[in-house]
Amino acid sequence: MRVLTTLRLAVAIVALVGGCAGARTSASPGVNRNLLVPDQFADKGYTNPYDVIAALRSNWLEVRGTTSLQSPSKVQVYLDGVRMSGVEALRTMDLRPVTYIRFFDGVAATARWGLDHGAGAIYVSTHPLSEMVGSSRERDPGVVELLDADERR
């Protein structure tokens, strides 16, 4: 009788462990939710970076974090390191030369570009992918962390 109970317990444990292992549903390890590349938006009918972001990562356009009535927070936009202004600037940019679009949350944007970035920043780059290695790392801050993460893998 004890042998039968022990056997049933062992089978139940194996079934439980096997069922839990198969139920894993996580995103693939190579997906970066803060980055959009042409594979994700080219030939999909988008005309500017705003349309891409609104369709694929609309939460990037929302103001988050603390704000005040005298100086409301807004998501800042950069094009190749040049500050453009708020998200409406994305509507005026041509999508064809864009090689990647990167979102920095409020903490990362403030650390990188200083105050007035509490809502985050969207960095649009037109640098060719072949230039993302080496000297462009200093010129293009949006890609430095990405390259460092890839080199660690």
C-alpha atoms as a PDB file:
ATOM      1  CA  MET A   1       0.000   0.000   0.000  1.00  0.00           C
ATOM      2  CA  ARG A   2       2.845   2.392   0.836  1.00  0.00           C
ATOM      3  CA  VAL A   3       4.591   1.523  -2.415  1.00  0.00           C
ATOM      4  CA  LEU A   4       1.448   2.363  -4.404  1.00  0.00           C
ATOM      5  CA  THR A   5       1.018   5.712  -2.605  1.00  0.00           C
ATOM      6  CA  THR A   6       4.688   6.588  -3.164  1.00  0.00           C
ATOM      7  CA  LEU A   7       4.395   5.658  -6.837  1.00  0.00           C
ATOM      8  CA  ARG A   8       1.288   7.828  -7.278  1.00  0.00           C
ATOM      9  CA  LEU A   9       3.026  10.738  -5.563  1.00  0.00           C
ATOM     10  CA  ALA A  10       6.086  10.364  -7.820  1.00  0.00           C
ATOM     11  CA  VAL A  11       3.917  10.304 -10.967  1.00  0.00           C
ATOM     12  CA  ALA A  12       2.007  13.381  -9.785  1.00  0.00           C
ATOM     13  CA  ILE A  13       5.246  15.285  -9.156  1.00  0.00           C
ATOM     14  CA  VAL A  14       6.656  14.363 -12.584  1.00  0.00           C
ATOM     15  CA  ALA A  15       3.402  15.430 -14.278  1.00  0.00           C
ATOM     16  CA  LEU A  16       3.362  18.726 -12.355  1.00  0.00           C
ATOM     17  CA  VAL A  17       6.977  19.553 -13.153  1.00  0.00           C
ATOM     18  CA  GLY A  18       6.540  18.602 -16.806  1.00  0.00           C
ATOM     19  CA  GLY A  19       3.396  20.697 -17.111  1.00  0.00           C
ATOM     20  CA  CYS A  20       5.010  23.756 -15.557  1.00  0.00           C
ATOM     21  CA  ALA A  21       8.062  23.519 -17.796  1.00  0.00           C
ATOM     22  CA  GLY A  22       5.918  23.448 -20.928  1.00  0.00           C
ATOM     23  CA  ALA A  23       3.814  26.428 -19.848  1.00  0.00           C
ATOM     24  CA  ARG A  24       6.619  28.967 -20.140  1.00  0.00           C
ATOM     25  CA  THR A  25       5.471  31.879 -22.318  1.00  0.00           C
ATOM     26  CA  SER A  26       8.109  34.579 -22.415  1.00  0.00           C
ATOM     27  CA  ALA A  27       9.247  36.854 -25.195  1.00  0.00           C
ATOM     28  CA  SER A  28      12.199  35.715 -27.215  1.00  0.00           C
ATOM     29  CA  PRO A  29      15.482  36.766 -25.611  1.00  0.00           C
ATOM     30  CA  GLY A  30      16.542  38.902 -28.596  1.00  0.00           C
ATOM     31  CA  VAL A  31      13.505  41.232 -28.506  1.00  0.00           C
ATOM     32  CA  ASN A  32      14.202  44.765 -27.333  1.00  0.00           C
ATOM     33  CA  ARG A  33      10.929  46.587 -26.601  1.00  0.00           C
ATOM     34  CA  ASN A  34      12.731  49.952 -26.661  1.00  0.00           C
ATOM     35  CA  LEU A  35      13.971  49.595 -30.235  1.00  0.00           C
ATOM     36  CA  LEU A  36      12.341  49.620 -33.665  1.00  0.00           C
ATOM     37  CA  VAL A  37      14.351  48.635 -36.752  1.00  0.00           C
ATOM     38  CA  PRO A  38      13.410  48.765 -40.470  1.00  0.00           C
ATOM     39  CA  ASP A  39      12.521  45.053 -40.499  1.00  0.00           C
ATOM     40  CA  GLN A  40       9.585  45.978 -38.276  1.00  0.00           C
ATOM     41  CA  PHE A  41       8.294  48.973 -40.260  1.00  0.00           C
ATOM     42  CA  ALA A  42       9.651  48.996 -43.834  1.00  0.00           C
ATOM     43  CA  ASP A  43       7.146  48.282 -46.612  1.00  0.00           C
ATOM     44  CA  LYS A  44       4.194  48.430 -44.231  1.00  0.00           C
ATOM     45  CA  GLY A  45       2.683  51.673 -45.542  1.00  0.00           C
ATOM     46  CA  TYR A  46       3.996  54.020 -42.856  1.00  0.00           C
ATOM     47  CA  THR A  47       5.044  57.491 -44.028  1.00  0.00           C
ATOM     48  CA  ASN A  48       6.795  58.923 -40.978  1.00  0.00           C
ATOM     49  CA  PRO A  49       8.212  57.821 -37.607  1.00  0.00           C
ATOM     50  CA  TYR A  50       5.110  59.035 -35.787  1.00  0.00           C
ATOM     51  CA  ASP A  51       2.911  56.579 -37.713  1.00  0.00           C
ATOM     52  CA  VAL A  52       5.323  53.730 -36.937  1.00  0.00           C
ATOM     53  CA  ILE A  53       5.435  54.480 -33.233  1.00  0.00           C
ATOM     54  CA  ALA A  54       1.667  55.068 -32.992  1.00  0.00           C
ATOM     55  CA  ALA A  55       1.047  51.664 -34.569  1.00  0.00           C
ATOM     56  CA  LEU A  56       3.795  49.566 -32.963  1.00  0.00           C
ATOM     57  CA  ARG A  57       4.702  51.263 -29.644  1.00  0.00           C
ATOM     58  CA  SER A  58       1.971  53.804 -28.858  1.00  0.00           C
ATOM     59  CA  ASN A  59       2.962  53.883 -25.185  1.00  0.00           C
ATOM     60  CA  TRP A  60       6.155  55.750 -26.202  1.00  0.00           C
ATOM     61  CA  LEU A  61       4.001  58.768 -27.109  1.00  0.00           C
ATOM     62  CA  GLU A  62       2.288  58.971 -23.716  1.00  0.00           C
ATOM     63  CA  VAL A  63       3.587  61.332 -21.069  1.00  0.00           C
ATOM     64  CA  ARG A  64       4.467  59.438 -17.906  1.00  0.00           C
ATOM     65  CA  GLY A  65       6.037  60.524 -14.678  1.00  0.00           C
ATOM     66  CA  THR A  66       5.680  63.691 -12.679  1.00  0.00           C
ATOM     67  CA  THR A  67       4.508  66.883 -14.320  1.00  0.00           C
ATOM     68  CA  SER A  68       3.537  70.354 -13.181  1.00  0.00           C
ATOM     69  CA  LEU A  69       1.081  72.983 -14.377  1.00  0.00           C
ATOM     70  CA  GLN A  70       3.778  75.598 -14.922  1.00  0.00           C
ATOM     71  CA  SER A  71       6.115  73.370 -16.940  1.00  0.00           C
ATOM     72  CA  PRO A  72       4.335  70.262 -18.191  1.00  0.00           C
ATOM     73  CA  SER A  73       6.471  67.298 -19.128  1.00  0.00           C
ATOM     74  CA  LYS A  74       6.618  66.062 -22.729  1.00  0.00           C
ATOM     75  CA  VAL A  75       8.413  63.298 -24.562  1.00  0.00           C
ATOM     76  CA  GLN A  76      11.474  64.818 -26.266  1.00  0.00           C
ATOM     77  CA  VAL A  77      12.530  63.812 -29.783  1.00  0.00           C
ATOM     78  CA  TYR A  78      16.079  63.623 -31.145  1.00  0.00           C
ATOM     79  CA  LEU A  79      17.149  63.108 -34.751  1.00  0.00           C
ATOM     80  CA  ASP A  80      20.767  61.938 -34.990  1.00  0.00           C
ATOM     81  CA  GLY A  81      21.599  63.635 -31.706  1.00  0.00           C
ATOM     82  CA  VAL A  82      19.870  66.956 -32.471  1.00  0.00           C
ATOM     83  CA  ARG A  83      16.960  67.854 -30.209  1.00  0.00           C
ATOM     84  CA  MET A  84      13.881  68.481 -32.338  1.00  0.00           C
ATOM     85  CA  SER A  85      11.116  69.112 -29.734  1.00  0.00           C
ATOM     86  CA  GLY A  86       8.037  67.067 -28.842  1.00  0.00           C
ATOM     87  CA  VAL A  87       6.486  64.066 -30.559  1.00  0.00           C
ATOM     88  CA  GLU A  88       4.821  66.222 -33.234  1.00  0.00           C
ATOM     89  CA  ALA A  89       8.287  66.607 -34.818  1.00  0.00           C
ATOM     90  CA  LEU A  90       8.094  62.909 -35.714  1.00  0.00           C
ATOM     91  CA  ARG A  91       5.303  63.711 -38.208  1.00  0.00           C
ATOM     92  CA  THR A  92       7.645  65.927 -40.264  1.00  0.00           C
ATOM     93  CA  MET A  93      10.469  63.387 -40.589  1.00  0.00           C
ATOM     94  CA  ASP A  94      10.986  61.166 -43.631  1.00  0.00           C
ATOM     95  CA  LEU A  95      10.912  57.469 -42.736  1.00  0.00           C
ATOM     96  CA  ARG A  96      13.013  56.191 -45.651  1.00  0.00           C
ATOM     97  CA  PRO A  97      16.502  56.975 -44.257  1.00  0.00           C
ATOM     98  CA  VAL A  98      15.684  55.855 -40.681  1.00  0.00           C
ATOM     99  CA  THR A  99      17.836  52.930 -39.510  1.00  0.00           C
ATOM    100  CA  TYR A 100      16.378  52.642 -36.024  1.00  0.00           C
ATOM    101  CA  ILE A 101      14.093  54.345 -33.507  1.00  0.00           C
ATOM    102  CA  ARG A 102      14.928  54.021 -29.827  1.00  0.00           C
ATOM    103  CA  PHE A 103      12.923  54.960 -26.736  1.00  0.00           C
ATOM    104  CA  PHE A 104      14.586  56.081 -23.498  1.00  0.00           C
ATOM    105  CA  ASP A 105      12.427  56.141 -20.377  1.00  0.00           C
ATOM    106  CA  GLY A 106      12.427  59.217 -18.138  1.00  0.00           C
ATOM    107  CA  VAL A 107      15.279  58.072 -15.917  1.00  0.00           C
ATOM    108  CA  ALA A 108      17.546  57.025 -18.806  1.00  0.00           C
ATOM    109  CA  ALA A 109      16.745  60.176 -20.821  1.00  0.00           C
ATOM    110  CA  THR A 110      17.391  62.460 -17.859  1.00  0.00           C
ATOM    111  CA  ALA A 111      20.694  60.727 -17.142  1.00  0.00           C
ATOM    112  CA  ARG A 112      21.748  61.043 -20.792  1.00  0.00           C
ATOM    113  CA  TRP A 113      20.459  64.520 -21.738  1.00  0.00           C
ATOM    114  CA  GLY A 114      19.701  66.246 -18.420  1.00  0.00           C
ATOM    115  CA  LEU A 115      16.600  67.841 -16.955  1.00  0.00           C
ATOM    116  CA  ASP A 116      13.395  68.322 -18.957  1.00  0.00           C
ATOM    117  CA  HIS A 117      13.361  64.664 -20.004  1.00  0.00           C
ATOM    118  CA  GLY A 118      11.174  63.241 -17.235  1.00  0.00           C
ATOM    119  CA  ALA A 119       8.645  61.878 -19.747  1.00  0.00           C
ATOM    120  CA  GLY A 120      11.345  60.139 -21.782  1.00  0.00           C
ATOM    121  CA  ALA A 121      12.905  60.637 -25.201  1.00  0.00           C
ATOM    122  CA  ILE A 122      12.593  59.113 -28.652  1.00  0.00           C
ATOM    123  CA  TYR A 123      15.866  58.893 -30.569  1.00  0.00           C
ATOM    124  CA  VAL A 124      15.627  58.548 -34.363  1.00  0.00           C
ATOM    125  CA  SER A 125      18.806  57.581 -36.223  1.00  0.00           C
ATOM    126  CA  THR A 126      19.611  57.724 -39.920  1.00  0.00           C
ATOM    127  CA  HIS A 127      23.131  56.341 -39.592  1.00  0.00           C
ATOM    128  CA  PRO A 128      23.766  53.242 -41.709  1.00  0.00           C
ATOM    129  CA  LEU A 129      23.904  50.035 -39.711  1.00  0.00           C
ATOM    130  CA  SER A 130      27.509  49.458 -40.844  1.00  0.00           C
ATOM    131  CA  GLU A 131      28.497  52.699 -39.074  1.00  0.00           C
ATOM    132  CA  MET A 132      26.994  51.631 -35.755  1.00  0.00           C
ATOM    133  CA  VAL A 133      30.251  49.982 -34.703  1.00  0.00           C
ATOM    134  CA  GLY A 134      33.420  51.807 -33.734  1.00  0.00           C
ATOM    135  CA  SER A 135      33.629  55.573 -33.993  1.00  0.00           C
ATOM    136  CA  SER A 136      29.883  56.116 -34.341  1.00  0.00           C
ATOM    137  CA  ARG A 137      29.426  54.777 -30.814  1.00  0.00           C
ATOM    138  CA  GLU A 138      30.590  58.129 -29.494  1.00  0.00           C
ATOM    139  CA  ARG A 139      28.592  60.068 -32.100  1.00  0.00           C
ATOM    140  CA  ASP A 140      25.341  58.110 -31.700  1.00  0.00           C
ATOM    141  CA  PRO A 141      24.382  57.620 -28.016  1.00  0.00           C
ATOM    142  CA  GLY A 142      21.219  55.694 -28.835  1.00  0.00           C
ATOM    143  CA  VAL A 143      23.154  52.660 -29.964  1.00  0.00           C
ATOM    144  CA  VAL A 144      25.911  52.434 -27.327  1.00  0.00           C
ATOM    145  CA  GLU A 145      23.882  50.375 -24.853  1.00  0.00           C
ATOM    146  CA  LEU A 146      22.542  48.155 -27.629  1.00  0.00           C
ATOM    147  CA  LEU A 147      26.012  47.290 -28.888  1.00  0.00           C
ATOM    148  CA  ASP A 148      27.295  46.684 -25.382  1.00  0.00           C
ATOM    149  CA  ALA A 149      24.391  44.287 -24.697  1.00  0.00           C
ATOM    150  CA  ASP A 150      25.029  42.424 -27.967  1.00  0.00           C
ATOM    151  CA  GLU A 151      28.748  42.080 -27.208  1.00  0.00           C
ATOM    152  CA  ARG A 152      27.964  40.463 -23.838  1.00  0.00           C
ATOM    153  CA  ARG A 153      25.953  37.661 -25.521  1.00  0.00           C
END
